């Protein structure tokens, strides 16, 4: 099943991959903001399950990339 980052097993995240993919997504947001001339501080992510997990990770690790998020069925990745 396609995901934003690897899982080691059901409910167990590969935290190294999660961090790497989080920075990859945040970098893409930053580059897109420059290219398309918008302020990423105005972005609100909407994610369900795995999408909510990666959005939460971006908010925690790279808060300059999003202003808020609507997280549906997210899991805390610790």
C-alpha atoms as a PDB file:
ATOM      1  CA  UNK A   1       0.000   0.000   0.000  1.00  0.00           C
ATOM      2  CA  UNK A   2       1.454   3.431  -0.919  1.00  0.00           C
ATOM      3  CA  UNK A   3       2.552   5.533   2.057  1.00  0.00           C
ATOM      4  CA  UNK A   4       4.444   8.751   2.671  1.00  0.00           C
ATOM      5  CA  UNK A   5       7.032   6.874   4.759  1.00  0.00           C
ATOM      6  CA  UNK A   6       7.976   3.274   5.647  1.00  0.00           C
ATOM      7  CA  UNK A   7       6.505   1.261   8.452  1.00  0.00           C
ATOM      8  CA  UNK A   8       8.306  -1.615  10.089  1.00  0.00           C
ATOM      9  CA  UNK A   9       5.027  -3.367  10.902  1.00  0.00           C
ATOM     10  CA  UNK A  10       1.398  -2.467  11.595  1.00  0.00           C
ATOM     11  CA  UNK A  11       1.460   0.624  13.812  1.00  0.00           C
ATOM     12  CA  UNK A  12       5.291   0.728  14.001  1.00  0.00           C
ATOM     13  CA  UNK A  13       6.890   3.577  12.065  1.00  0.00           C
ATOM     14  CA  UNK A  14      10.397   3.639  10.642  1.00  0.00           C
ATOM     15  CA  UNK A  15      11.322   6.857  12.473  1.00  0.00           C
ATOM     16  CA  UNK A  16      14.468   7.503  10.424  1.00  0.00           C
ATOM     17  CA  UNK A  17      12.455   7.303   7.203  1.00  0.00           C
ATOM     18  CA  UNK A  18       9.682   9.422   8.732  1.00  0.00           C
ATOM     19  CA  UNK A  19      12.180  12.182   9.566  1.00  0.00           C
ATOM     20  CA  UNK A  20      13.767  12.007   6.102  1.00  0.00           C
ATOM     21  CA  UNK A  21      10.397  12.116   4.309  1.00  0.00           C
ATOM     22  CA  UNK A  22       9.204  14.934   6.569  1.00  0.00           C
ATOM     23  CA  UNK A  23      12.171  17.105   5.579  1.00  0.00           C
ATOM     24  CA  UNK A  24      11.726  16.108   1.934  1.00  0.00           C
ATOM     25  CA  UNK A  25       8.084  17.247   2.004  1.00  0.00           C
ATOM     26  CA  UNK A  26       8.896  20.459   3.901  1.00  0.00           C
ATOM     27  CA  UNK A  27      11.668  21.271   1.399  1.00  0.00           C
ATOM     28  CA  UNK A  28       9.208  20.726  -1.460  1.00  0.00           C
ATOM     29  CA  UNK A  29       6.723  23.095   0.206  1.00  0.00           C
ATOM     30  CA  UNK A  30       9.470  25.733   0.590  1.00  0.00           C
ATOM     31  CA  UNK A  31      10.586  25.367  -3.034  1.00  0.00           C
ATOM     32  CA  UNK A  32       6.994  25.481  -4.284  1.00  0.00           C
ATOM     33  CA  UNK A  33       6.296  28.613  -2.249  1.00  0.00           C
ATOM     34  CA  UNK A  34       9.233  30.354  -3.919  1.00  0.00           C
ATOM     35  CA  UNK A  35       8.338  29.135  -7.397  1.00  0.00           C
ATOM     36  CA  UNK A  36       4.615  29.935  -7.159  1.00  0.00           C
ATOM     37  CA  UNK A  37       5.007  32.981  -4.896  1.00  0.00           C
ATOM     38  CA  UNK A  38       2.822  32.076  -1.926  1.00  0.00           C
ATOM     39  CA  UNK A  39       3.376  32.248   1.816  1.00  0.00           C
ATOM     40  CA  UNK A  40       3.628  28.736   3.308  1.00  0.00           C
ATOM     41  CA  UNK A  41       2.570  30.176   6.674  1.00  0.00           C
ATOM     42  CA  UNK A  42      -0.935  30.285   5.218  1.00  0.00           C
ATOM     43  CA  UNK A  43      -1.046  26.580   4.340  1.00  0.00           C
ATOM     44  CA  UNK A  44      -3.325  24.198   6.198  1.00  0.00           C
ATOM     45  CA  UNK A  45      -2.763  20.480   5.684  1.00  0.00           C
ATOM     46  CA  UNK A  46      -5.650  18.033   5.635  1.00  0.00           C
ATOM     47  CA  UNK A  47      -4.664  14.430   6.158  1.00  0.00           C
ATOM     48  CA  UNK A  48      -6.280  11.105   6.911  1.00  0.00           C
ATOM     49  CA  UNK A  49      -4.315   8.263   8.509  1.00  0.00           C
ATOM     50  CA  UNK A  50      -0.852   8.219   6.909  1.00  0.00           C
ATOM     51  CA  UNK A  51      -1.436  11.689   5.442  1.00  0.00           C
ATOM     52  CA  UNK A  52      -2.300  12.936   8.915  1.00  0.00           C
ATOM     53  CA  UNK A  53       0.859  11.324  10.297  1.00  0.00           C
ATOM     54  CA  UNK A  54       3.162  13.045   7.810  1.00  0.00           C
ATOM     55  CA  UNK A  55       1.347  16.381   8.272  1.00  0.00           C
ATOM     56  CA  UNK A  56       1.772  16.113  12.043  1.00  0.00           C
ATOM     57  CA  UNK A  57       5.443  15.351  11.577  1.00  0.00           C
ATOM     58  CA  UNK A  58       5.891  18.423   9.344  1.00  0.00           C
ATOM     59  CA  UNK A  59       4.161  20.591  11.952  1.00  0.00           C
ATOM     60  CA  UNK A  60       6.443  19.275  14.699  1.00  0.00           C
ATOM     61  CA  UNK A  61       9.772  19.199  12.844  1.00  0.00           C
ATOM     62  CA  UNK A  62       9.353  22.045  10.340  1.00  0.00           C
ATOM     63  CA  UNK A  63       6.621  24.356  11.699  1.00  0.00           C
ATOM     64  CA  UNK A  64       7.548  27.112   9.235  1.00  0.00           C
ATOM     65  CA  UNK A  65       6.119  24.928   6.442  1.00  0.00           C
ATOM     66  CA  UNK A  66       2.476  24.863   7.567  1.00  0.00           C
ATOM     67  CA  UNK A  67       0.295  27.082   9.713  1.00  0.00           C
ATOM     68  CA  UNK A  68      -2.192  24.426  10.830  1.00  0.00           C
ATOM     69  CA  UNK A  69      -3.452  20.972  10.050  1.00  0.00           C
ATOM     70  CA  UNK A  70      -6.643  18.977  10.219  1.00  0.00           C
ATOM     71  CA  UNK A  71      -5.531  15.509  11.271  1.00  0.00           C
ATOM     72  CA  UNK A  72      -7.987  12.645  10.922  1.00  0.00           C
ATOM     73  CA  UNK A  73      -7.068   9.264  12.448  1.00  0.00           C
ATOM     74  CA  UNK A  74      -3.432  10.244  13.068  1.00  0.00           C
ATOM     75  CA  UNK A  75      -1.079   8.173  15.219  1.00  0.00           C
ATOM     76  CA  UNK A  76       1.565   9.713  17.434  1.00  0.00           C
ATOM     77  CA  UNK A  77       4.922   8.588  16.030  1.00  0.00           C
ATOM     78  CA  UNK A  78       7.265   8.260  18.977  1.00  0.00           C
END
